[in-house]
Amino acid sequence: MSKIAIVYWSGTGNTEAMADFVKAGAVRAGSEPDVFTPETFGSGLADQYEAIAFGCPAMGDEELEETEFLPMFEAVEEKLRGKKIALFGSYDWGTGEWMDNWKSQCEKVGAVFVCDCVIANNEPDDEAEAALKAMGEALARI
């Protein structure tokens, strides 16, 4: 069983709900993931986990949240080479470009994706819920 961290930022509660589904999937698979917000997670903690799920909604012009999440993510980015990760987040408008850009950024530093990224338009629907729980299970089974 993998030691898993779930790190998310949520402005409206949608991405927090998504993080809860990832956790539920990991717990169902027998893991007890640790859940963090950006202010409680940093590069020193990244080394302690075999797998990390990052969650952030699209903000502004389809970008990661700049005040809390992005600084934390940039601080841990160098630790992602070879690290098993998953990405999730919600959006209100747009096409999901922020997730495509974020995934590309992670691939460039050598992160290893354990499953497809999951996005939800506003609140996660039943399909997103199932995908997020499967994400948690995939992280737990590494």
N, C-alpha and C. Protein backbone atom coordinates (compact mmCIF):
# COMPACT_ATOMS: atom_id res chain seq x y z
N MET A 1 0.84 -1.18 0.00
CA MET A 1 0.00 0.00 0.00
C MET A 1 0.89 1.25 0.00
N SER A 2 0.58 2.17 -0.86
CA SER A 2 1.37 3.39 -1.01
C SER A 2 1.03 4.40 0.08
N LYS A 3 2.02 5.19 0.42
CA LYS A 3 1.80 6.34 1.29
C LYS A 3 1.40 7.49 0.36
N ILE A 4 0.18 7.98 0.52
CA ILE A 4 -0.42 8.93 -0.41
C ILE A 4 -0.68 10.27 0.27
N ALA A 5 -0.41 11.34 -0.49
CA ALA A 5 -0.82 12.69 -0.08
C ALA A 5 -1.83 13.21 -1.10
N ILE A 6 -2.84 13.88 -0.60
CA ILE A 6 -3.79 14.58 -1.45
C ILE A 6 -3.66 16.06 -1.07
N VAL A 7 -3.26 16.87 -2.05
CA VAL A 7 -3.00 18.29 -1.81
C VAL A 7 -3.92 19.09 -2.73
N TYR A 8 -4.76 19.95 -2.14
CA TYR A 8 -5.71 20.68 -2.98
C TYR A 8 -5.94 22.09 -2.46
N TRP A 9 -6.42 22.94 -3.37
CA TRP A 9 -6.92 24.28 -3.03
C TRP A 9 -8.32 24.37 -3.61
N SER A 10 -9.23 24.94 -2.84
CA SER A 10 -10.61 25.07 -3.31
C SER A 10 -11.17 26.41 -2.91
N GLY A 11 -11.72 27.13 -3.87
CA GLY A 11 -12.33 28.42 -3.58
C GLY A 11 -13.82 28.33 -3.30
N THR A 12 -14.50 27.42 -3.98
CA THR A 12 -15.96 27.32 -3.85
C THR A 12 -16.41 26.03 -3.19
N GLY A 13 -15.49 25.11 -2.97
CA GLY A 13 -15.83 23.82 -2.38
C GLY A 13 -15.89 22.68 -3.40
N ASN A 14 -15.90 23.01 -4.69
CA ASN A 14 -15.98 21.96 -5.70
C ASN A 14 -14.73 21.09 -5.73
N THR A 15 -13.57 21.70 -5.69
CA THR A 15 -12.32 20.93 -5.72
C THR A 15 -12.13 20.20 -4.39
N GLU A 16 -12.60 20.77 -3.31
CA GLU A 16 -12.56 20.08 -2.02
C GLU A 16 -13.41 18.80 -2.08
N ALA A 17 -14.59 18.89 -2.69
CA ALA A 17 -15.43 17.70 -2.85
C ALA A 17 -14.71 16.65 -3.69
N MET A 18 -13.99 17.10 -4.71
CA MET A 18 -13.24 16.18 -5.54
C MET A 18 -12.15 15.48 -4.73
N ALA A 19 -11.46 16.24 -3.88
CA ALA A 19 -10.42 15.66 -3.02
C ALA A 19 -11.03 14.61 -2.08
N ASP A 20 -12.22 14.88 -1.59
CA ASP A 20 -12.90 13.91 -0.72
C ASP A 20 -13.17 12.60 -1.46
N PHE A 21 -13.53 12.68 -2.74
CA PHE A 21 -13.77 11.48 -3.53
C PHE A 21 -12.47 10.70 -3.76
N VAL A 22 -11.37 11.42 -4.02
CA VAL A 22 -10.07 10.75 -4.18
C VAL A 22 -9.73 10.01 -2.90
N LYS A 23 -9.92 10.68 -1.77
CA LYS A 23 -9.64 10.06 -0.48
C LYS A 23 -10.52 8.82 -0.28
N ALA A 24 -11.81 8.93 -0.60
CA ALA A 24 -12.72 7.79 -0.43
C ALA A 24 -12.26 6.59 -1.25
N GLY A 25 -11.79 6.83 -2.46
CA GLY A 25 -11.30 5.74 -3.29
C GLY A 25 -10.06 5.09 -2.70
N ALA A 26 -9.15 5.91 -2.18
CA ALA A 26 -7.93 5.38 -1.58
C ALA A 26 -8.26 4.57 -0.32
N VAL A 27 -9.19 5.08 0.48
CA VAL A 27 -9.60 4.37 1.69
C VAL A 27 -10.26 3.04 1.32
N ARG A 28 -11.10 3.06 0.30
CA ARG A 28 -11.76 1.83 -0.15
C ARG A 28 -10.73 0.78 -0.58
N ALA A 29 -9.58 1.24 -1.09
CA ALA A 29 -8.52 0.33 -1.51
C ALA A 29 -7.58 -0.05 -0.36
N GLY A 30 -7.87 0.44 0.83
CA GLY A 30 -7.09 0.05 2.00
C GLY A 30 -6.01 1.01 2.44
N SER A 31 -5.95 2.21 1.87
CA SER A 31 -4.95 3.20 2.23
C SER A 31 -5.56 4.26 3.16
N GLU A 32 -4.71 4.95 3.86
CA GLU A 32 -5.14 6.09 4.69
C GLU A 32 -4.36 7.32 4.24
N PRO A 33 -4.83 7.99 3.18
CA PRO A 33 -4.07 9.14 2.66
C PRO A 33 -4.08 10.33 3.62
N ASP A 34 -3.03 11.11 3.53
CA ASP A 34 -2.96 12.36 4.26
C ASP A 34 -3.45 13.47 3.34
N VAL A 35 -4.28 14.36 3.87
CA VAL A 35 -4.87 15.44 3.07
C VAL A 35 -4.30 16.76 3.54
N PHE A 36 -3.88 17.58 2.57
CA PHE A 36 -3.25 18.86 2.85
C PHE A 36 -3.86 19.96 2.00
N THR A 37 -3.77 21.17 2.50
CA THR A 37 -4.01 22.36 1.70
C THR A 37 -2.63 22.95 1.41
N PRO A 38 -2.52 23.88 0.46
CA PRO A 38 -1.19 24.38 0.07
C PRO A 38 -0.36 24.95 1.22
N GLU A 39 -1.01 25.59 2.16
CA GLU A 39 -0.23 26.20 3.24
C GLU A 39 0.36 25.18 4.21
N THR A 40 -0.10 23.93 4.15
CA THR A 40 0.42 22.90 5.06
C THR A 40 1.29 21.86 4.35
N PHE A 41 1.53 22.05 3.04
CA PHE A 41 2.33 21.09 2.28
C PHE A 41 3.48 21.82 1.62
N GLY A 42 4.65 21.21 1.64
CA GLY A 42 5.81 21.84 1.01
C GLY A 42 6.77 20.80 0.47
N SER A 43 7.87 21.27 -0.07
CA SER A 43 8.82 20.37 -0.74
C SER A 43 9.39 19.33 0.22
N GLY A 44 9.54 19.67 1.49
CA GLY A 44 10.05 18.71 2.46
C GLY A 44 9.11 17.53 2.66
N LEU A 45 7.82 17.78 2.56
CA LEU A 45 6.85 16.70 2.71
C LEU A 45 6.74 15.83 1.46
N ALA A 46 7.00 16.38 0.31
CA ALA A 46 6.85 15.63 -0.95
C ALA A 46 7.69 14.36 -0.94
N ASP A 47 8.85 14.40 -0.36
CA ASP A 47 9.73 13.22 -0.32
C ASP A 47 9.15 12.09 0.53
N GLN A 48 8.24 12.40 1.42
CA GLN A 48 7.70 11.40 2.33
C GLN A 48 6.60 10.54 1.71
N TYR A 49 6.18 10.87 0.48
CA TYR A 49 5.05 10.18 -0.14
C TYR A 49 5.46 9.50 -1.43
N GLU A 50 4.92 8.30 -1.62
CA GLU A 50 5.16 7.57 -2.86
C GLU A 50 4.30 8.11 -3.99
N ALA A 51 3.15 8.66 -3.64
CA ALA A 51 2.22 9.17 -4.65
C ALA A 51 1.52 10.41 -4.10
N ILE A 52 1.25 11.36 -5.01
CA ILE A 52 0.59 12.61 -4.61
C ILE A 52 -0.49 12.93 -5.64
N ALA A 53 -1.68 13.24 -5.14
CA ALA A 53 -2.75 13.76 -5.98
C ALA A 53 -2.84 15.25 -5.71
N PHE A 54 -2.75 16.05 -6.76
CA PHE A 54 -2.85 17.50 -6.65
C PHE A 54 -4.18 17.94 -7.25
N GLY A 55 -4.88 18.83 -6.53
CA GLY A 55 -6.14 19.35 -7.03
C GLY A 55 -6.18 20.87 -6.97
N CYS A 56 -6.54 21.48 -8.10
CA CYS A 56 -6.66 22.94 -8.15
C CYS A 56 -7.66 23.31 -9.25
N PRO A 57 -8.57 24.22 -8.96
CA PRO A 57 -9.51 24.65 -9.99
C PRO A 57 -8.85 25.60 -10.98
N ALA A 58 -9.51 25.78 -12.11
CA ALA A 58 -9.07 26.78 -13.08
C ALA A 58 -9.45 28.15 -12.53
N MET A 59 -8.53 29.06 -12.66
CA MET A 59 -8.77 30.43 -12.19
C MET A 59 -8.48 31.39 -13.34
N GLY A 60 -9.08 32.56 -13.30
CA GLY A 60 -8.78 33.60 -14.27
C GLY A 60 -8.84 33.10 -15.70
N ASP A 61 -7.74 33.21 -16.39
CA ASP A 61 -7.65 32.81 -17.78
C ASP A 61 -7.16 31.36 -17.87
N GLU A 62 -7.87 30.45 -17.21
CA GLU A 62 -7.52 29.03 -17.15
C GLU A 62 -6.10 28.83 -16.65
N GLU A 63 -5.88 29.23 -15.41
CA GLU A 63 -4.57 29.10 -14.77
C GLU A 63 -4.76 28.50 -13.38
N LEU A 64 -3.68 27.99 -12.81
CA LEU A 64 -3.71 27.54 -11.43
C LEU A 64 -3.87 28.74 -10.50
N GLU A 65 -4.48 28.53 -9.36
CA GLU A 65 -4.66 29.60 -8.37
C GLU A 65 -3.29 30.14 -7.98
N GLU A 66 -3.10 31.46 -8.10
CA GLU A 66 -1.78 32.08 -8.01
C GLU A 66 -1.28 32.41 -6.61
N THR A 67 -2.15 32.62 -5.66
CA THR A 67 -1.73 33.11 -4.35
C THR A 67 -1.25 32.02 -3.41
N GLU A 68 -1.98 30.91 -3.35
CA GLU A 68 -1.63 29.83 -2.42
C GLU A 68 -1.13 28.57 -3.14
N PHE A 69 -1.89 28.12 -4.14
CA PHE A 69 -1.55 26.84 -4.75
C PHE A 69 -0.29 26.91 -5.61
N LEU A 70 -0.23 27.85 -6.53
CA LEU A 70 0.90 27.91 -7.45
C LEU A 70 2.25 28.04 -6.74
N PRO A 71 2.40 28.91 -5.74
CA PRO A 71 3.71 28.96 -5.05
C PRO A 71 4.09 27.63 -4.41
N MET A 72 3.11 26.94 -3.81
CA MET A 72 3.40 25.63 -3.22
C MET A 72 3.81 24.65 -4.31
N PHE A 73 3.05 24.63 -5.41
CA PHE A 73 3.33 23.68 -6.48
C PHE A 73 4.71 23.92 -7.09
N GLU A 74 5.05 25.17 -7.32
CA GLU A 74 6.38 25.49 -7.86
C GLU A 74 7.48 25.05 -6.91
N ALA A 75 7.22 25.11 -5.60
CA ALA A 75 8.22 24.70 -4.61
C ALA A 75 8.44 23.19 -4.61
N VAL A 76 7.40 22.41 -4.93
CA VAL A 76 7.54 20.95 -4.92
C VAL A 76 7.81 20.37 -6.30
N GLU A 77 7.68 21.17 -7.33
CA GLU A 77 7.80 20.69 -8.71
C GLU A 77 9.10 19.91 -8.96
N GLU A 78 10.21 20.38 -8.43
CA GLU A 78 11.48 19.70 -8.64
C GLU A 78 11.52 18.31 -8.00
N LYS A 79 10.63 18.07 -7.05
CA LYS A 79 10.57 16.77 -6.36
C LYS A 79 9.72 15.75 -7.12
N LEU A 80 9.12 16.15 -8.24
CA LEU A 80 8.18 15.29 -8.94
C LEU A 80 8.82 14.34 -9.95
N ARG A 81 10.11 14.48 -10.22
CA ARG A 81 10.77 13.58 -11.17
C ARG A 81 10.66 12.14 -10.65
N GLY A 82 9.99 11.29 -11.42
CA GLY A 82 9.80 9.90 -11.05
C GLY A 82 8.69 9.66 -10.04
N LYS A 83 8.11 10.72 -9.52
CA LYS A 83 7.04 10.60 -8.52
C LYS A 83 5.73 10.23 -9.20
N LYS A 84 4.98 9.32 -8.61
CA LYS A 84 3.66 8.94 -9.11
C LYS A 84 2.67 10.03 -8.68
N ILE A 85 1.96 10.60 -9.66
CA ILE A 85 1.03 11.69 -9.34
C ILE A 85 -0.29 11.52 -10.08
N ALA A 86 -1.25 12.32 -9.67
CA ALA A 86 -2.54 12.45 -10.35
C ALA A 86 -2.98 13.91 -10.18
N LEU A 87 -3.73 14.42 -11.15
CA LEU A 87 -4.20 15.81 -11.12
C LEU A 87 -5.72 15.84 -11.26
N PHE A 88 -6.34 16.77 -10.54
CA PHE A 88 -7.79 16.96 -10.65
C PHE A 88 -8.13 18.41 -10.35
N GLY A 89 -9.31 18.82 -10.79
CA GLY A 89 -9.77 20.18 -10.51
C GLY A 89 -11.08 20.49 -11.20
N SER A 90 -11.67 21.59 -10.78
CA SER A 90 -12.95 22.01 -11.34
C SER A 90 -12.77 23.32 -12.11
N TYR A 91 -13.76 23.62 -12.93
CA TYR A 91 -13.74 24.86 -13.70
C TYR A 91 -15.17 25.32 -13.90
N ASP A 92 -15.32 26.59 -14.22
CA ASP A 92 -16.65 27.16 -14.42
C ASP A 92 -16.90 27.46 -15.89
N TRP A 93 -15.86 27.81 -16.60
CA TRP A 93 -15.98 28.13 -18.02
C TRP A 93 -14.67 27.74 -18.69
N GLY A 94 -14.66 27.73 -19.99
CA GLY A 94 -13.44 27.38 -20.72
C GLY A 94 -13.50 25.95 -21.22
N THR A 95 -12.35 25.45 -21.61
CA THR A 95 -12.28 24.14 -22.26
C THR A 95 -11.47 23.11 -21.48
N GLY A 96 -10.90 23.49 -20.37
CA GLY A 96 -10.03 22.58 -19.64
C GLY A 96 -8.57 22.76 -19.98
N GLU A 97 -8.26 23.86 -20.67
CA GLU A 97 -6.89 24.12 -21.09
C GLU A 97 -5.92 24.16 -19.91
N TRP A 98 -6.37 24.68 -18.77
CA TRP A 98 -5.48 24.76 -17.61
C TRP A 98 -4.98 23.38 -17.21
N MET A 99 -5.83 22.36 -17.32
CA MET A 99 -5.41 21.01 -16.95
C MET A 99 -4.42 20.46 -17.97
N ASP A 100 -4.66 20.70 -19.25
CA ASP A 100 -3.71 20.26 -20.28
C ASP A 100 -2.34 20.89 -20.06
N ASN A 101 -2.32 22.19 -19.77
CA ASN A 101 -1.05 22.89 -19.52
C ASN A 101 -0.36 22.37 -18.27
N TRP A 102 -1.14 22.12 -17.22
CA TRP A 102 -0.59 21.63 -15.96
C TRP A 102 0.00 20.24 -16.15
N LYS A 103 -0.72 19.39 -16.86
CA LYS A 103 -0.23 18.04 -17.12
C LYS A 103 1.08 18.09 -17.91
N SER A 104 1.14 18.93 -18.93
CA SER A 104 2.37 19.07 -19.72
C SER A 104 3.53 19.53 -18.87
N GLN A 105 3.27 20.47 -17.98
CA GLN A 105 4.30 20.98 -17.07
C GLN A 105 4.83 19.84 -16.20
N CYS A 106 3.95 18.99 -15.71
CA CYS A 106 4.37 17.87 -14.87
C CYS A 106 5.16 16.83 -15.66
N GLU A 107 4.73 16.58 -16.89
CA GLU A 107 5.44 15.63 -17.74
C GLU A 107 6.85 16.12 -18.03
N LYS A 108 7.02 17.43 -18.22
CA LYS A 108 8.34 17.99 -18.52
C LYS A 108 9.33 17.78 -17.38
N VAL A 109 8.83 17.77 -16.14
CA VAL A 109 9.74 17.56 -15.01
C VAL A 109 9.90 16.08 -14.66
N GLY A 110 9.21 15.21 -15.40
CA GLY A 110 9.40 13.78 -15.22
C GLY A 110 8.44 13.10 -14.26
N ALA A 111 7.33 13.73 -13.94
CA ALA A 111 6.32 13.08 -13.09
C ALA A 111 5.71 11.92 -13.86
N VAL A 112 5.24 10.92 -13.13
CA VAL A 112 4.64 9.72 -13.71
C VAL A 112 3.16 9.70 -13.33
N PHE A 113 2.30 9.76 -14.32
CA PHE A 113 0.86 9.77 -14.05
C PHE A 113 0.34 8.36 -13.83
N VAL A 114 -0.46 8.18 -12.78
CA VAL A 114 -1.02 6.87 -12.48
C VAL A 114 -2.38 6.66 -13.14
N CYS A 115 -2.98 7.75 -13.64
CA CYS A 115 -4.29 7.67 -14.28
C CYS A 115 -4.54 8.98 -15.02
N ASP A 116 -5.65 9.02 -15.74
CA ASP A 116 -6.02 10.24 -16.44
C ASP A 116 -6.36 11.35 -15.44
N CYS A 117 -6.16 12.58 -15.85
CA CYS A 117 -6.57 13.73 -15.05
C CYS A 117 -8.09 13.78 -15.03
N VAL A 118 -8.65 14.34 -13.97
CA VAL A 118 -10.10 14.44 -13.85
C VAL A 118 -10.48 15.90 -13.65
N ILE A 119 -11.37 16.39 -14.52
CA ILE A 119 -11.90 17.74 -14.37
C ILE A 119 -13.42 17.67 -14.26
N ALA A 120 -13.98 18.65 -13.57
CA ALA A 120 -15.43 18.72 -13.41
C ALA A 120 -15.88 20.15 -13.68
N ASN A 121 -16.95 20.28 -14.43
CA ASN A 121 -17.54 21.59 -14.65
C ASN A 121 -18.37 21.91 -13.41
N ASN A 122 -17.85 22.84 -12.61
CA ASN A 122 -18.43 23.19 -11.32
C ASN A 122 -18.42 21.98 -10.40
N GLU A 123 -19.58 21.57 -9.86
CA GLU A 123 -19.63 20.44 -8.93
C GLU A 123 -19.36 19.14 -9.67
N PRO A 124 -18.62 18.21 -9.04
CA PRO A 124 -18.38 16.94 -9.70
C PRO A 124 -19.68 16.15 -9.85
N ASP A 125 -19.93 15.65 -11.07
CA ASP A 125 -21.12 14.84 -11.32
C ASP A 125 -20.78 13.37 -11.01
N ASP A 126 -21.73 12.48 -11.29
CA ASP A 126 -21.54 11.07 -10.98
C ASP A 126 -20.34 10.48 -11.72
N GLU A 127 -20.15 10.89 -12.96
CA GLU A 127 -19.01 10.39 -13.76
C GLU A 127 -17.68 10.84 -13.15
N ALA A 128 -17.62 12.11 -12.76
CA ALA A 128 -16.39 12.61 -12.13
C ALA A 128 -16.16 11.93 -10.79
N GLU A 129 -17.23 11.73 -10.03
CA GLU A 129 -17.10 11.05 -8.74
C GLU A 129 -16.48 9.67 -8.92
N ALA A 130 -16.99 8.90 -9.88
CA ALA A 130 -16.46 7.57 -10.12
C ALA A 130 -14.99 7.62 -10.55
N ALA A 131 -14.64 8.58 -11.42
CA ALA A 131 -13.26 8.72 -11.89
C ALA A 131 -12.33 9.12 -10.74
N LEU A 132 -12.80 9.97 -9.86
CA LEU A 132 -11.98 10.41 -8.72
C LEU A 132 -11.76 9.27 -7.73
N LYS A 133 -12.79 8.50 -7.48
CA LYS A 133 -12.62 7.34 -6.59
C LYS A 133 -11.66 6.33 -7.21
N ALA A 134 -11.76 6.14 -8.52
CA ALA A 134 -10.82 5.25 -9.21
C ALA A 134 -9.40 5.80 -9.13
N MET A 135 -9.26 7.12 -9.17
CA MET A 135 -7.95 7.76 -9.01
C MET A 135 -7.36 7.41 -7.65
N GLY A 136 -8.16 7.54 -6.61
CA GLY A 136 -7.70 7.21 -5.26
C GLY A 136 -7.29 5.75 -5.16
N GLU A 137 -8.06 4.87 -5.76
CA GLU A 137 -7.72 3.45 -5.76
C GLU A 137 -6.41 3.19 -6.50
N ALA A 138 -6.23 3.84 -7.64
CA ALA A 138 -5.00 3.67 -8.42
C ALA A 138 -3.79 4.15 -7.62
N LEU A 139 -3.93 5.26 -6.93
CA LEU A 139 -2.83 5.76 -6.10
C LEU A 139 -2.50 4.79 -4.97
N ALA A 140 -3.53 4.20 -4.39
CA ALA A 140 -3.32 3.29 -3.27
C ALA A 140 -2.64 2.00 -3.68
N ARG A 141 -2.81 1.60 -4.93
CA ARG A 141 -2.31 0.31 -5.38
C ARG A 141 -0.92 0.38 -6.01
N ILE A 142 -0.25 1.48 -5.87
CA ILE A 142 1.09 1.62 -6.45
C ILE A 142 2.07 0.76 -5.68
